[in-house]
Structure formats: C-alpha cells, structure tokens
Amino acid sequence: MRVNGKDIELKRGMTLAEFLAAHNYRAELVAVERNGQIVPRAEFGAAVLTDGDELEIVSFVGGG
C-alpha cells in the first residue's frame, strides 16, 4: 500500500480507522483520499484497506 507517496506494509483486515490510530493520526483532524476518492469520516471504521490501495492523508493545522 502507498501512503502519501511512500510504500507501507499493511496488516491484513485493517480498517482505515485502525490504520490511522496505529500511525498516530487523529481521525477528527484528517481528510483521507483513497484511490482518488475522498473517504467520508463516518466510513473510516468500515473501510477495509488492501495492499493495492493508495492513500493521501492530509492533517488539518490551526493557526493564523
């Protein structure tokens, strides 16, 4: 699987929510694109990742 342009080994049966937690992302502070499609936050727990997936994860940063 590729995440933000880097190859990452994927554990079988891992959901997007599990992946984000395992890599220290706060689900409420990220937007995720999977294979060119935005994944709604409500679907993070149901979206099971596969080896062929490409994710782009963007973190929201506050400031001014």
N, C-alpha and C. Protein backbone atom coordinates (compact mmCIF):
# COMPACT_ATOMS: atom_id res chain seq x y z
N MET A 1 0.84 -1.15 0.00
CA MET A 1 0.00 0.00 0.00
C MET A 1 0.90 1.23 0.00
N ARG A 2 0.40 2.32 -0.63
CA ARG A 2 1.15 3.58 -0.64
C ARG A 2 0.38 4.62 0.16
N VAL A 3 1.11 5.31 1.03
CA VAL A 3 0.51 6.37 1.85
C VAL A 3 1.35 7.63 1.67
N ASN A 4 0.71 8.67 1.16
CA ASN A 4 1.40 9.93 0.91
C ASN A 4 2.70 9.71 0.12
N GLY A 5 2.63 8.81 -0.87
CA GLY A 5 3.76 8.57 -1.75
C GLY A 5 4.80 7.57 -1.25
N LYS A 6 4.60 7.01 -0.06
CA LYS A 6 5.56 6.05 0.49
C LYS A 6 4.92 4.67 0.60
N ASP A 7 5.70 3.63 0.31
CA ASP A 7 5.22 2.26 0.47
C ASP A 7 5.16 1.91 1.95
N ILE A 8 4.04 1.32 2.37
CA ILE A 8 3.84 0.93 3.77
C ILE A 8 3.32 -0.51 3.77
N GLU A 9 3.84 -1.32 4.69
CA GLU A 9 3.34 -2.69 4.83
C GLU A 9 2.00 -2.63 5.57
N LEU A 10 1.04 -3.35 5.04
CA LEU A 10 -0.31 -3.33 5.59
C LEU A 10 -0.61 -4.63 6.30
N LYS A 11 -1.17 -4.53 7.51
CA LYS A 11 -1.64 -5.71 8.22
C LYS A 11 -2.99 -6.10 7.62
N ARG A 12 -3.22 -7.38 7.45
CA ARG A 12 -4.46 -7.85 6.83
C ARG A 12 -5.68 -7.49 7.67
N GLY A 13 -6.74 -7.13 6.96
CA GLY A 13 -8.00 -6.86 7.61
C GLY A 13 -8.07 -5.57 8.40
N MET A 14 -7.13 -4.67 8.18
CA MET A 14 -7.10 -3.42 8.94
C MET A 14 -8.05 -2.40 8.30
N THR A 15 -8.83 -1.76 9.15
CA THR A 15 -9.71 -0.70 8.65
C THR A 15 -8.93 0.61 8.59
N LEU A 16 -9.49 1.56 7.90
CA LEU A 16 -8.87 2.87 7.82
C LEU A 16 -8.76 3.48 9.22
N ALA A 17 -9.78 3.35 10.04
CA ALA A 17 -9.74 3.88 11.40
C ALA A 17 -8.61 3.25 12.20
N GLU A 18 -8.43 1.94 12.08
CA GLU A 18 -7.35 1.25 12.79
C GLU A 18 -5.98 1.72 12.29
N PHE A 19 -5.86 1.89 10.98
CA PHE A 19 -4.61 2.34 10.39
C PHE A 19 -4.25 3.73 10.92
N LEU A 20 -5.21 4.63 10.91
CA LEU A 20 -4.96 5.99 11.39
C LEU A 20 -4.51 5.99 12.85
N ALA A 21 -5.20 5.22 13.68
CA ALA A 21 -4.84 5.15 15.10
C ALA A 21 -3.44 4.56 15.28
N ALA A 22 -3.12 3.51 14.52
CA ALA A 22 -1.82 2.85 14.64
C ALA A 22 -0.67 3.76 14.21
N HIS A 23 -0.97 4.75 13.36
CA HIS A 23 0.07 5.66 12.87
C HIS A 23 -0.08 7.06 13.47
N ASN A 24 -0.75 7.12 14.61
CA ASN A 24 -0.86 8.34 15.42
C ASN A 24 -1.53 9.52 14.71
N TYR A 25 -2.49 9.20 13.84
CA TYR A 25 -3.32 10.26 13.25
C TYR A 25 -4.58 10.38 14.09
N ARG A 26 -5.04 11.60 14.30
CA ARG A 26 -6.32 11.82 14.96
C ARG A 26 -7.38 11.93 13.88
N ALA A 27 -8.28 10.94 13.83
CA ALA A 27 -9.26 10.84 12.75
C ALA A 27 -10.07 12.11 12.57
N GLU A 28 -10.33 12.81 13.66
CA GLU A 28 -11.14 14.03 13.56
C GLU A 28 -10.36 15.20 12.96
N LEU A 29 -9.05 15.04 12.79
CA LEU A 29 -8.22 16.13 12.28
C LEU A 29 -7.57 15.82 10.93
N VAL A 30 -8.09 14.81 10.22
CA VAL A 30 -7.52 14.47 8.91
C VAL A 30 -8.61 14.33 7.85
N ALA A 31 -8.19 14.51 6.61
CA ALA A 31 -9.01 14.16 5.45
C ALA A 31 -8.24 13.06 4.73
N VAL A 32 -8.97 12.06 4.24
CA VAL A 32 -8.32 10.92 3.60
C VAL A 32 -8.91 10.71 2.20
N GLU A 33 -7.99 10.56 1.24
CA GLU A 33 -8.37 10.19 -0.12
C GLU A 33 -7.85 8.78 -0.34
N ARG A 34 -8.73 7.90 -0.78
CA ARG A 34 -8.37 6.51 -1.05
C ARG A 34 -8.61 6.22 -2.51
N ASN A 35 -7.55 5.91 -3.23
CA ASN A 35 -7.64 5.60 -4.65
C ASN A 35 -8.39 6.68 -5.43
N GLY A 36 -8.09 7.94 -5.08
CA GLY A 36 -8.66 9.07 -5.80
C GLY A 36 -10.03 9.53 -5.33
N GLN A 37 -10.58 8.89 -4.31
CA GLN A 37 -11.91 9.25 -3.79
C GLN A 37 -11.80 9.65 -2.32
N ILE A 38 -12.46 10.75 -1.96
CA ILE A 38 -12.50 11.17 -0.56
C ILE A 38 -13.29 10.15 0.25
N VAL A 39 -12.75 9.74 1.39
CA VAL A 39 -13.45 8.81 2.28
C VAL A 39 -14.15 9.64 3.36
N PRO A 40 -15.49 9.57 3.42
CA PRO A 40 -16.18 10.29 4.50
C PRO A 40 -15.75 9.77 5.86
N ARG A 41 -15.59 10.67 6.81
CA ARG A 41 -15.13 10.30 8.16
C ARG A 41 -16.02 9.21 8.76
N ALA A 42 -17.31 9.25 8.48
CA ALA A 42 -18.24 8.25 9.01
C ALA A 42 -17.94 6.85 8.50
N GLU A 43 -17.17 6.73 7.44
CA GLU A 43 -16.85 5.41 6.85
C GLU A 43 -15.47 4.90 7.24
N PHE A 44 -14.71 5.65 8.03
CA PHE A 44 -13.35 5.23 8.41
C PHE A 44 -13.36 3.84 9.07
N GLY A 45 -14.34 3.55 9.90
CA GLY A 45 -14.40 2.28 10.62
C GLY A 45 -14.82 1.10 9.77
N ALA A 46 -15.46 1.38 8.63
CA ALA A 46 -15.95 0.31 7.76
C ALA A 46 -15.05 0.06 6.56
N ALA A 47 -14.18 1.01 6.24
CA ALA A 47 -13.32 0.90 5.06
C ALA A 47 -12.13 -0.01 5.35
N VAL A 48 -12.17 -1.22 4.80
CA VAL A 48 -11.08 -2.19 4.98
C VAL A 48 -10.04 -1.95 3.89
N LEU A 49 -8.81 -1.74 4.31
CA LEU A 49 -7.73 -1.43 3.37
C LEU A 49 -7.17 -2.69 2.72
N THR A 50 -6.61 -2.52 1.51
CA THR A 50 -5.99 -3.63 0.79
C THR A 50 -4.58 -3.21 0.37
N ASP A 51 -3.77 -4.20 0.00
CA ASP A 51 -2.38 -3.93 -0.39
C ASP A 51 -2.29 -2.97 -1.58
N GLY A 52 -3.27 -2.97 -2.46
CA GLY A 52 -3.22 -2.14 -3.65
C GLY A 52 -3.72 -0.72 -3.46
N ASP A 53 -4.16 -0.37 -2.26
CA ASP A 53 -4.70 0.96 -2.02
C ASP A 53 -3.62 2.04 -2.04
N GLU A 54 -4.02 3.22 -2.46
CA GLU A 54 -3.18 4.41 -2.37
C GLU A 54 -3.94 5.43 -1.55
N LEU A 55 -3.34 5.84 -0.44
CA LEU A 55 -3.96 6.83 0.45
C LEU A 55 -3.19 8.14 0.41
N GLU A 56 -3.93 9.22 0.48
CA GLU A 56 -3.37 10.54 0.72
C GLU A 56 -4.04 11.02 1.99
N ILE A 57 -3.25 11.30 3.00
CA ILE A 57 -3.77 11.74 4.29
C ILE A 57 -3.28 13.16 4.54
N VAL A 58 -4.25 14.05 4.76
CA VAL A 58 -3.92 15.46 4.99
C VAL A 58 -4.39 15.82 6.38
N SER A 59 -3.48 16.35 7.19
CA SER A 59 -3.81 16.78 8.54
C SER A 59 -4.18 18.26 8.53
N PHE A 60 -5.20 18.60 9.31
CA PHE A 60 -5.59 19.99 9.46
C PHE A 60 -4.71 20.63 10.53
N VAL A 61 -4.24 21.82 10.23
CA VAL A 61 -3.37 22.53 11.15
C VAL A 61 -3.99 23.89 11.43
N GLY A 62 -4.12 24.20 12.71
CA GLY A 62 -4.66 25.50 13.09
C GLY A 62 -3.59 26.57 13.09
N GLY A 63 -4.01 27.77 13.07
CA GLY A 63 -3.06 28.87 13.10
C GLY A 63 -3.63 30.08 12.42
N GLY A 64 -2.84 31.09 12.35
CA GLY A 64 -3.37 32.29 11.71
C GLY A 64 -2.28 33.23 11.30
